[in-house]
Protein backbone atom coordinates (compact mmCIF):
# COMPACT_ATOMS: atom_id res chain seq x y z
CA MET A 1 -73.57 -77.95 -47.46
CA LYS A 2 -71.34 -78.32 -44.53
CA ASN A 3 -72.53 -75.37 -43.12
CA TYR A 4 -76.62 -75.28 -43.92
CA LEU A 5 -76.08 -79.10 -42.22
CA LYS A 6 -74.75 -77.09 -39.25
CA LEU A 7 -78.02 -74.34 -39.35
CA SER A 8 -80.47 -76.77 -39.48
CA VAL A 9 -79.46 -79.02 -37.00
CA LEU A 10 -79.02 -76.02 -34.86
CA MET A 11 -82.58 -74.87 -36.08
CA LEU A 12 -83.89 -78.09 -35.36
CA ALA A 13 -82.34 -77.65 -31.74
CA PHE A 14 -83.86 -74.56 -31.01
CA ALA A 15 -87.27 -75.30 -32.05
CA GLY A 16 -86.96 -78.59 -29.45
CA ILE A 17 -85.89 -76.49 -26.60
CA LEU A 18 -88.87 -73.78 -27.55
CA VAL A 19 -91.38 -76.35 -27.50
CA SER A 20 -90.49 -78.65 -24.53
CA CYS A 21 -90.45 -75.45 -22.03
CA GLY A 22 -93.16 -73.77 -23.63
CA GLY A 23 -95.64 -76.35 -22.63
CA ASP A 24 -99.60 -74.69 -22.81
CA ASN A 25 -100.01 -71.25 -20.98
CA LYS A 26 -104.05 -71.60 -21.16
CA LYS A 27 -104.03 -74.86 -18.86
CA GLU A 28 -101.52 -72.60 -16.49
CA GLU A 29 -103.72 -69.84 -16.47
CA LYS A 30 -106.45 -71.29 -16.08
CA LYS A 31 -104.10 -73.63 -12.49
CA GLU A 32 -103.20 -70.22 -11.38
CA LYS A 33 -107.05 -68.27 -11.63
CA ILE A 34 -108.72 -71.61 -9.69
CA THR A 35 -105.26 -71.23 -7.07
CA LEU A 36 -105.86 -67.25 -6.62
CA ASN A 37 -109.04 -67.26 -6.75
CA GLN A 38 -109.54 -70.46 -3.67
CA ALA A 39 -106.90 -67.98 -1.99
CA GLU A 40 -108.87 -64.93 -1.54
CA PRO A 41 -111.78 -66.01 0.74
CA VAL A 42 -109.76 -67.38 2.90
CA LYS A 43 -107.37 -64.63 3.43
CA LYS A 44 -110.74 -62.40 4.29
CA GLU A 45 -112.08 -64.52 6.25
CA LYS A 46 -108.40 -64.74 8.27
CA LYS A 47 -108.96 -60.88 8.42
CA ALA A 48 -112.52 -60.88 9.74
CA ASP A 49 -111.17 -62.77 12.42
CA LYS A 50 -108.40 -60.47 13.34
CA VAL A 51 -109.64 -58.61 16.23
CA PRO A 52 -107.94 -58.78 19.40
CA ALA A 53 -108.72 -60.25 22.15
CA SER A 54 -108.56 -57.52 24.26
CA LYS A 55 -110.80 -56.06 22.10
CA ARG A 56 -113.12 -58.50 21.89
CA VAL A 57 -116.64 -58.99 23.66
CA ASP A 58 -117.45 -62.35 24.66
CA LEU A 59 -119.85 -61.54 27.51
CA ASP A 60 -121.08 -65.75 27.86
CA ASN A 61 -118.10 -66.65 28.59
CA LYS A 62 -117.69 -67.45 32.28
CA GLY A 63 -113.84 -68.63 31.88
CA VAL A 64 -112.58 -71.57 34.47
CA GLY A 65 -112.27 -70.69 38.44
CA PRO A 66 -113.86 -71.03 41.31
CA ILE A 67 -116.28 -67.98 40.64
CA THR A 68 -119.15 -69.82 38.46
CA SER A 69 -121.89 -67.24 39.26
CA VAL A 70 -121.24 -63.90 40.39
CA ASP A 71 -124.77 -61.08 41.06
CA LEU A 72 -123.86 -57.25 40.56
CA PRO A 73 -126.86 -55.23 41.62
CA ALA A 74 -127.90 -52.16 39.75
CA ASP A 75 -125.81 -49.44 41.96
CA ILE A 76 -121.96 -49.98 43.00
CA ASP A 77 -120.98 -50.22 46.52
CA GLN A 78 -118.90 -47.28 46.76
CA ALA A 79 -117.27 -48.68 50.26
CA MET A 80 -116.65 -51.82 48.53
CA ALA A 81 -114.93 -50.03 45.19
CA ALA A 82 -113.01 -48.13 47.72
CA LYS A 83 -111.35 -51.15 49.22
CA GLY A 84 -111.07 -52.69 45.32
CA LYS A 85 -109.08 -49.34 44.57
CA GLU A 86 -107.01 -50.19 47.63
CA VAL A 87 -106.26 -53.59 46.27
CA TYR A 88 -106.02 -52.52 42.66
CA GLU A 89 -103.22 -50.13 42.96
CA LYS A 90 -101.33 -52.29 45.60
CA MET A 91 -101.73 -55.70 43.70
CA CYS A 92 -102.11 -54.65 39.41
CA THR A 93 -100.48 -51.45 38.99
CA ALA A 94 -97.33 -53.04 38.07
CA CYS A 95 -98.63 -54.04 34.83
CA HIS A 96 -102.22 -52.39 34.63
CA LYS A 97 -102.87 -49.10 33.79
CA VAL A 98 -106.38 -47.97 34.28
CA ASP A 99 -106.75 -46.49 31.20
CA LYS A 100 -103.94 -47.85 28.51
CA ARG A 101 -102.37 -51.02 27.49
CA PHE A 102 -99.90 -51.14 29.03
CA ILE A 103 -97.47 -54.54 29.90
CA GLY A 104 -101.30 -55.66 30.31
CA PRO A 105 -105.22 -54.82 29.22
CA ALA A 106 -106.24 -51.26 30.77
CA PRO A 107 -109.61 -53.29 33.20
CA LYS A 108 -111.83 -49.40 31.94
CA GLY A 109 -114.49 -50.80 30.26
CA ILE A 110 -113.48 -54.54 31.49
CA LEU A 111 -117.62 -54.92 32.28
CA GLU A 112 -118.18 -54.02 28.27
CA ARG A 113 -116.34 -57.02 26.89
CA ARG A 114 -116.14 -60.02 30.08
CA SER A 115 -118.77 -61.33 32.41
CA PRO A 116 -117.64 -60.69 35.45
CA GLU A 117 -117.25 -64.33 36.57
CA TRP A 118 -114.36 -64.29 33.69
CA VAL A 119 -112.69 -61.21 34.88
CA MET A 120 -112.85 -62.83 38.89
CA ASN A 121 -111.48 -65.99 37.64
CA MET A 122 -109.29 -64.51 35.90
CA ILE A 123 -108.27 -63.07 38.91
CA LEU A 124 -107.94 -65.55 41.59
CA ALA A 125 -106.15 -68.30 38.85
CA PRO A 126 -104.83 -66.42 36.05
CA GLU A 127 -102.50 -70.10 35.45
CA ARG A 128 -105.53 -72.25 34.86
CA MET A 129 -107.51 -69.42 32.59
CA VAL A 130 -103.90 -69.38 30.05
CA ARG A 131 -104.76 -72.82 30.28
CA GLU A 132 -107.78 -73.69 29.87
CA ASP A 133 -109.44 -70.55 28.54
CA PRO A 134 -109.05 -70.03 24.50
CA LEU A 135 -109.92 -66.14 25.83
CA ALA A 136 -107.54 -65.95 28.12
CA LYS A 137 -104.59 -67.75 25.75
CA ASP A 138 -105.48 -65.19 23.14
CA LEU A 139 -104.97 -62.46 25.28
CA LEU A 140 -101.44 -63.75 26.94
CA ILE A 141 -100.56 -64.28 22.75
CA GLU A 142 -101.85 -60.58 21.95
CA PHE A 143 -99.13 -59.33 25.29
CA ASN A 144 -96.38 -61.05 24.11
CA GLY A 145 -96.42 -64.05 26.45
CA SER A 146 -96.72 -61.97 29.59
CA PRO A 147 -98.65 -64.11 31.64
CA MET A 148 -100.69 -62.73 34.54
CA ALA A 149 -99.38 -63.47 37.64
CA ASN A 150 -101.41 -64.96 40.66
CA GLN A 151 -101.27 -62.28 43.59
CA GLY A 152 -103.41 -64.83 45.84
CA LEU A 153 -106.13 -62.54 46.16
CA THR A 154 -109.19 -63.75 47.89
CA GLU A 155 -112.84 -63.92 46.71
CA GLU A 156 -113.71 -60.91 48.91
CA GLU A 157 -110.80 -58.42 47.47
CA ALA A 158 -111.53 -60.10 43.54
CA ARG A 159 -115.43 -58.84 44.70
CA GLN A 160 -113.71 -55.25 45.75
CA VAL A 161 -111.12 -54.91 42.54
CA LEU A 162 -114.45 -56.19 40.01
CA GLU A 163 -116.41 -53.16 41.84
CA TYR A 164 -113.63 -51.00 41.35
CA PHE A 165 -113.63 -51.91 38.12
CA ARG A 166 -117.57 -50.93 37.09
CA THR A 167 -116.74 -46.90 38.87
CA LEU A 168 -114.19 -47.22 35.88
């Protein structure tokens, strides 16, 4: 009789544990499904936004700085481009390679992705650009926080470099 009583108490305790730990599985499954279904679209949107700043095209953004308008003639001024190449080779090649990523982005094709004003403002006022321009901020992040150095170029030199970029 004592064994029967002990066995009954153990079975009741075991049943109590099962009931208290089991819960309603259907409710939990529904919660999980709702949570998963809500999370999936957010992940897809984030993947779509993950175009690197260096590949992103934004021709409407003029950036922030002294340049508000640049008129580019249809024909490239070869003399200006030659001077721009000299400036680029002297001041920029420590961080930029013409056609490949280095410490900074490659300038080849830059005018297919950025406005001329944005390029010149980045050359002339890189500190202000990374503070105030969203695209410049994204580039800073993409290139491991390496800010572009202000080389102290004049507007004329920056325009020459821009003309050189047109030849790349």
